[in-house]
């Protein structure tokens, strides 16, 4: 459908959406902007609010150069889709990226276009909006959102990763006339997986944790990566690490010759063996809980 030169009214009509439903959609998106920005003390004047438009299909998008949120007609009534684009808008708004010209340095473009960071803010807005909408007329918009911190969410992410790898392998093997199509398709699947991997990292945190993060939408990309785009320490793994290191150290200290116990001259001492084993287990769990998602997976 060619939509570039037709009026807004004609577009809405062609997409089969009534003016009333379109106005309702706009109102809901603006209310979500108010909900999320209100938790972050972000002040937005009416003239700076994004334009809300419609597009065909289920693809929604944020256009920073035009300050425009486009909602796919099949996503009308989907609060997750609304809030995701609101998250992109708010991030660009507070970092003064709206309307940024294309002619900018390569380094700056990489900073602006960091997919993981943008999708983190997408997901953060969804979580905050869902939490803040409870008990309001917007609450029904946020039903049935996948939580990637659950077993169901992790399974879905694993399936997306498997599909992305399969498409990548097929694209490498195929040399037919549609090889470019296959490469593009593989890249799209990879980005789709990366997007949901970022969602999984954001879902480690509650809406309250996100809302209570000072200047959340003003953090630098590096701050976001260091604070949020890594595996959150498991409470159980952390406890195992601390207890193992503590008990192991206590046992070693209790031996009459600590140096000998450590370097092995009295390694036959069972207590020394147990102490060293516990310290080793503690160190392993400590390293495990600090490990980030690898760049290959994100």
Foldseek 3Di string as FASTA:
>chain_A
DDDPPDDQVVVCVVQVHDPVLVVVQVVLLVVLLCQQCVLQVDDDDPVLAAAEGEDADQDWEADQLRSYTYGHPVCRLALLSSQLNSLLSLLCVVVVNRNPDPPDDPVVCCQNVVLLVSLLSSLLSLQSSCVSCPPHPSNSNNPPDDQLLDPVNVVVLVVLVVVLVVLVVVLVPDDDPCSVVSVVVSVVSLSVSSSSLSNNQSSVDHNVVQSPPHNNSPDGPVVCCVPGQFAAFDPVLLVLLVVLLVQLVVLLVPDPDNVCLVVPVVVVPPSSVSSVVSNVSSVVSVVVRRGGDDPSSD
